[in-house]
Structures are given as C-alpha cells and as structure tokens.
Amino acid sequence: MTTIARYMQANIEDHVDPLTGEVNATSLAEDCYTHYHPEDQSENEIPDVYFDTAQKIATAYEIKTGVREGRIGSAVGGYINTIPGGSL
C-alpha cells in the first residue's frame, strides 16, 4: 500500500458526509496532496494519482459501510416528507 493510500485510509472519516455516509473523494484527494505538499500554494493541478487513489479508497469504504448510490435521494425525500404541509 502506498503512503498516499495509507494517509487517505487514516483520514477518510473527515471526508464522509454525515447525512449520506458518502465519501467526498475530491476533498480526500485535495487533503492528502496538501498534507504532503504544504509548500505548494500555487494553482497547479493536483496529480491524477491522488484522485485515482481517493476514488478507490472511497469506493472500498462505501462498500464496507454499506453505502449505495442514490441514498441521498431517499434521505432527502424522507426529510421532506416530515415537513408539515404548507411550510414549503
């Protein structure tokens, strides 16, 4: 396992949406890059290896925790159904 992947696994829960349980892989990649390159304050592109690794780590985490695509729709739908009529 690479250093990048180890960092992402150790810090993944900082990038999990509390409502849906989904991982923000972009945020995870950016966090990891900033951790290892704090001096890089430029607008340069982050290397693809960070985004590719974040996507793999995020997918594995979501499978492990049982998150499925489309869950936010049911979460939001459930919330909207609890709002009293006429409030919208």
N, C-alpha and C. Protein backbone atom coordinates (compact mmCIF):
# COMPACT_ATOMS: atom_id res chain seq x y z
N MET A 1 0.85 -1.17 0.00
CA MET A 1 0.00 0.00 0.00
C MET A 1 0.90 1.24 0.00
N THR A 2 0.51 2.21 -0.78
CA THR A 2 1.31 3.42 -0.90
C THR A 2 1.11 4.34 0.31
N THR A 3 2.01 5.27 0.46
CA THR A 3 1.90 6.27 1.52
C THR A 3 0.63 7.09 1.35
N ILE A 4 0.30 7.41 0.11
CA ILE A 4 -0.91 8.18 -0.19
C ILE A 4 -2.15 7.41 0.29
N ALA A 5 -2.23 6.15 -0.05
CA ALA A 5 -3.38 5.33 0.34
C ALA A 5 -3.48 5.18 1.85
N ARG A 6 -2.35 5.02 2.52
CA ARG A 6 -2.37 4.90 3.99
C ARG A 6 -2.90 6.18 4.63
N TYR A 7 -2.45 7.32 4.13
CA TYR A 7 -2.93 8.59 4.67
C TYR A 7 -4.44 8.73 4.46
N MET A 8 -4.89 8.39 3.26
CA MET A 8 -6.32 8.51 2.95
C MET A 8 -7.16 7.60 3.84
N GLN A 9 -6.70 6.37 4.05
CA GLN A 9 -7.45 5.46 4.90
C GLN A 9 -7.51 5.95 6.34
N ALA A 10 -6.43 6.55 6.80
CA ALA A 10 -6.38 7.05 8.17
C ALA A 10 -7.26 8.28 8.38
N ASN A 11 -7.52 9.02 7.31
CA ASN A 11 -8.25 10.29 7.42
C ASN A 11 -9.58 10.32 6.68
N ILE A 12 -10.04 9.20 6.20
CA ILE A 12 -11.23 9.16 5.35
C ILE A 12 -12.48 9.67 6.07
N GLU A 13 -12.59 9.40 7.35
CA GLU A 13 -13.82 9.78 8.06
C GLU A 13 -14.00 11.29 8.16
N ASP A 14 -12.92 12.05 7.94
CA ASP A 14 -13.03 13.51 7.89
C ASP A 14 -13.73 13.97 6.62
N HIS A 15 -13.93 13.06 5.67
CA HIS A 15 -14.48 13.41 4.37
C HIS A 15 -15.77 12.66 4.06
N VAL A 16 -16.40 12.13 5.11
CA VAL A 16 -17.65 11.39 4.96
C VAL A 16 -18.82 12.32 5.28
N ASP A 17 -19.79 12.39 4.38
CA ASP A 17 -20.98 13.19 4.59
C ASP A 17 -21.80 12.54 5.70
N PRO A 18 -22.08 13.28 6.78
CA PRO A 18 -22.81 12.66 7.89
C PRO A 18 -24.25 12.28 7.56
N LEU A 19 -24.85 12.91 6.58
CA LEU A 19 -26.23 12.58 6.21
C LEU A 19 -26.29 11.32 5.36
N THR A 20 -25.40 11.23 4.37
CA THR A 20 -25.49 10.13 3.42
C THR A 20 -24.49 9.01 3.65
N GLY A 21 -23.39 9.31 4.34
CA GLY A 21 -22.34 8.32 4.53
C GLY A 21 -21.41 8.21 3.33
N GLU A 22 -21.65 9.04 2.32
CA GLU A 22 -20.81 9.01 1.13
C GLU A 22 -19.52 9.79 1.37
N VAL A 23 -18.45 9.32 0.73
CA VAL A 23 -17.14 9.95 0.85
C VAL A 23 -16.98 10.99 -0.25
N ASN A 24 -16.49 12.18 0.11
CA ASN A 24 -16.15 13.20 -0.86
C ASN A 24 -14.71 12.91 -1.31
N ALA A 25 -14.57 12.16 -2.39
CA ALA A 25 -13.25 11.72 -2.85
C ALA A 25 -12.39 12.90 -3.30
N THR A 26 -13.00 13.93 -3.84
CA THR A 26 -12.23 15.12 -4.26
C THR A 26 -11.61 15.78 -3.05
N SER A 27 -12.38 15.96 -2.02
CA SER A 27 -11.88 16.57 -0.79
C SER A 27 -10.77 15.72 -0.17
N LEU A 28 -10.94 14.42 -0.21
CA LEU A 28 -9.94 13.49 0.32
C LEU A 28 -8.63 13.62 -0.45
N ALA A 29 -8.72 13.68 -1.77
CA ALA A 29 -7.52 13.83 -2.61
C ALA A 29 -6.82 15.15 -2.34
N GLU A 30 -7.59 16.23 -2.26
CA GLU A 30 -7.01 17.55 -2.01
C GLU A 30 -6.35 17.61 -0.63
N ASP A 31 -7.00 17.03 0.36
CA ASP A 31 -6.44 17.00 1.71
C ASP A 31 -5.11 16.26 1.73
N CYS A 32 -5.07 15.12 1.09
CA CYS A 32 -3.85 14.32 1.05
C CYS A 32 -2.72 15.07 0.35
N TYR A 33 -3.02 15.66 -0.77
CA TYR A 33 -2.00 16.41 -1.51
C TYR A 33 -1.46 17.56 -0.66
N THR A 34 -2.35 18.28 -0.01
CA THR A 34 -1.93 19.40 0.83
C THR A 34 -1.09 18.92 2.01
N HIS A 35 -1.42 17.76 2.54
CA HIS A 35 -0.65 17.20 3.65
C HIS A 35 0.80 16.94 3.25
N TYR A 36 0.99 16.37 2.08
CA TYR A 36 2.34 16.02 1.63
C TYR A 36 3.05 17.14 0.88
N HIS A 37 2.33 18.17 0.51
CA HIS A 37 2.91 19.29 -0.24
C HIS A 37 2.42 20.62 0.34
N PRO A 38 2.67 20.88 1.63
CA PRO A 38 2.14 22.11 2.25
C PRO A 38 2.73 23.38 1.65
N GLU A 39 3.89 23.27 1.05
CA GLU A 39 4.53 24.45 0.47
C GLU A 39 3.94 24.83 -0.88
N ASP A 40 3.18 23.93 -1.49
CA ASP A 40 2.61 24.19 -2.82
C ASP A 40 1.31 24.98 -2.67
N GLN A 41 1.40 26.27 -2.73
CA GLN A 41 0.23 27.14 -2.62
C GLN A 41 -0.23 27.64 -3.99
N SER A 42 0.34 27.08 -5.03
CA SER A 42 0.00 27.52 -6.38
C SER A 42 -1.32 26.92 -6.82
N GLU A 43 -1.74 27.32 -7.98
CA GLU A 43 -2.97 26.79 -8.56
C GLU A 43 -2.67 25.62 -9.50
N ASN A 44 -1.52 25.01 -9.33
CA ASN A 44 -1.17 23.87 -10.18
C ASN A 44 -2.15 22.73 -9.96
N GLU A 45 -2.29 21.93 -10.97
CA GLU A 45 -3.19 20.79 -10.87
C GLU A 45 -2.59 19.72 -9.95
N ILE A 46 -3.46 19.12 -9.17
CA ILE A 46 -3.05 18.00 -8.33
C ILE A 46 -2.90 16.79 -9.24
N PRO A 47 -1.81 16.03 -9.09
CA PRO A 47 -1.61 14.85 -9.94
C PRO A 47 -2.77 13.86 -9.85
N ASP A 48 -3.08 13.25 -10.96
CA ASP A 48 -4.20 12.30 -11.04
C ASP A 48 -4.10 11.15 -10.06
N VAL A 49 -2.89 10.76 -9.69
CA VAL A 49 -2.73 9.63 -8.77
C VAL A 49 -3.47 9.88 -7.46
N TYR A 50 -3.56 11.12 -7.02
CA TYR A 50 -4.29 11.42 -5.78
C TYR A 50 -5.79 11.20 -5.96
N PHE A 51 -6.33 11.64 -7.08
CA PHE A 51 -7.76 11.47 -7.33
C PHE A 51 -8.11 10.00 -7.60
N ASP A 52 -7.25 9.31 -8.34
CA ASP A 52 -7.49 7.89 -8.62
C ASP A 52 -7.46 7.07 -7.33
N THR A 53 -6.49 7.36 -6.49
CA THR A 53 -6.38 6.64 -5.22
C THR A 53 -7.56 6.98 -4.31
N ALA A 54 -7.94 8.24 -4.25
CA ALA A 54 -9.07 8.64 -3.42
C ALA A 54 -10.35 7.95 -3.86
N GLN A 55 -10.55 7.83 -5.17
CA GLN A 55 -11.76 7.17 -5.67
C GLN A 55 -11.78 5.70 -5.26
N LYS A 56 -10.64 5.03 -5.35
CA LYS A 56 -10.57 3.61 -4.95
C LYS A 56 -10.80 3.44 -3.45
N ILE A 57 -10.17 4.29 -2.66
CA ILE A 57 -10.32 4.21 -1.20
C ILE A 57 -11.76 4.53 -0.81
N ALA A 58 -12.35 5.55 -1.44
CA ALA A 58 -13.73 5.94 -1.14
C ALA A 58 -14.71 4.83 -1.50
N THR A 59 -14.52 4.23 -2.66
CA THR A 59 -15.41 3.14 -3.09
C THR A 59 -15.32 1.96 -2.13
N ALA A 60 -14.10 1.59 -1.74
CA ALA A 60 -13.92 0.47 -0.81
C ALA A 60 -14.58 0.78 0.54
N TYR A 61 -14.44 2.01 1.01
CA TYR A 61 -15.06 2.42 2.27
C TYR A 61 -16.58 2.35 2.19
N GLU A 62 -17.13 2.85 1.09
CA GLU A 62 -18.58 2.85 0.94
C GLU A 62 -19.14 1.44 0.82
N ILE A 63 -18.44 0.56 0.14
CA ILE A 63 -18.88 -0.84 0.06
C ILE A 63 -18.84 -1.47 1.45
N LYS A 64 -17.75 -1.21 2.17
CA LYS A 64 -17.58 -1.77 3.52
C LYS A 64 -18.67 -1.29 4.48
N THR A 65 -19.06 -0.01 4.35
CA THR A 65 -20.05 0.55 5.27
C THR A 65 -21.49 0.42 4.76
N GLY A 66 -21.66 -0.10 3.56
CA GLY A 66 -22.99 -0.36 3.04
C GLY A 66 -23.65 0.82 2.35
N VAL A 67 -22.89 1.84 2.00
CA VAL A 67 -23.45 2.99 1.30
C VAL A 67 -23.70 2.60 -0.15
N ARG A 68 -24.85 2.99 -0.64
CA ARG A 68 -25.19 2.71 -2.03
C ARG A 68 -25.52 4.00 -2.73
N GLU A 69 -25.27 4.05 -4.02
CA GLU A 69 -25.57 5.23 -4.83
C GLU A 69 -27.06 5.52 -4.77
N GLY A 70 -27.40 6.78 -4.70
CA GLY A 70 -28.80 7.17 -4.66
C GLY A 70 -29.38 7.30 -3.27
N ARG A 71 -28.58 7.05 -2.28
CA ARG A 71 -29.07 7.10 -0.91
C ARG A 71 -29.50 8.51 -0.51
N ILE A 72 -28.85 9.52 -1.03
CA ILE A 72 -29.22 10.89 -0.66
C ILE A 72 -30.65 11.21 -1.09
N GLY A 73 -31.06 10.67 -2.21
CA GLY A 73 -32.42 10.92 -2.67
C GLY A 73 -33.44 10.42 -1.67
N SER A 74 -33.23 9.25 -1.14
CA SER A 74 -34.17 8.72 -0.16
C SER A 74 -34.05 9.46 1.16
N ALA A 75 -32.84 9.89 1.52
CA ALA A 75 -32.67 10.66 2.76
C ALA A 75 -33.38 11.99 2.66
N VAL A 76 -33.20 12.69 1.57
CA VAL A 76 -33.86 13.98 1.38
C VAL A 76 -35.36 13.79 1.27
N GLY A 77 -35.78 12.78 0.52
CA GLY A 77 -37.21 12.50 0.38
C GLY A 77 -37.84 12.22 1.73
N GLY A 78 -37.16 11.46 2.57
CA GLY A 78 -37.67 11.19 3.90
C GLY A 78 -37.78 12.44 4.74
N TYR A 79 -36.80 13.32 4.60
CA TYR A 79 -36.84 14.59 5.34
C TYR A 79 -37.99 15.47 4.86
N ILE A 80 -38.13 15.58 3.56
CA ILE A 80 -39.20 16.43 3.01
C ILE A 80 -40.57 15.92 3.46
N ASN A 81 -40.71 14.61 3.56
CA ASN A 81 -41.99 14.05 3.99
C ASN A 81 -42.32 14.35 5.45
N THR A 82 -41.34 14.82 6.23
CA THR A 82 -41.59 15.15 7.63
C THR A 82 -41.95 16.61 7.84
N ILE A 83 -41.84 17.43 6.79
CA ILE A 83 -42.15 18.86 6.88
C ILE A 83 -43.67 19.02 6.85
N PRO A 84 -44.22 19.77 7.82
CA PRO A 84 -45.68 19.97 7.83
C PRO A 84 -46.18 20.62 6.54
N GLY A 85 -47.33 20.23 6.08
CA GLY A 85 -47.91 20.78 4.87
C GLY A 85 -48.00 22.30 4.90
N GLY A 86 -47.74 22.93 3.76
CA GLY A 86 -47.82 24.36 3.66
C GLY A 86 -46.57 25.10 4.11
N SER A 87 -45.58 24.37 4.61
CA SER A 87 -44.35 25.01 5.07
C SER A 87 -43.39 25.32 3.94
N LEU A 88 -43.57 24.69 2.81
CA LEU A 88 -42.64 24.89 1.71
C LEU A 88 -43.00 26.05 0.87
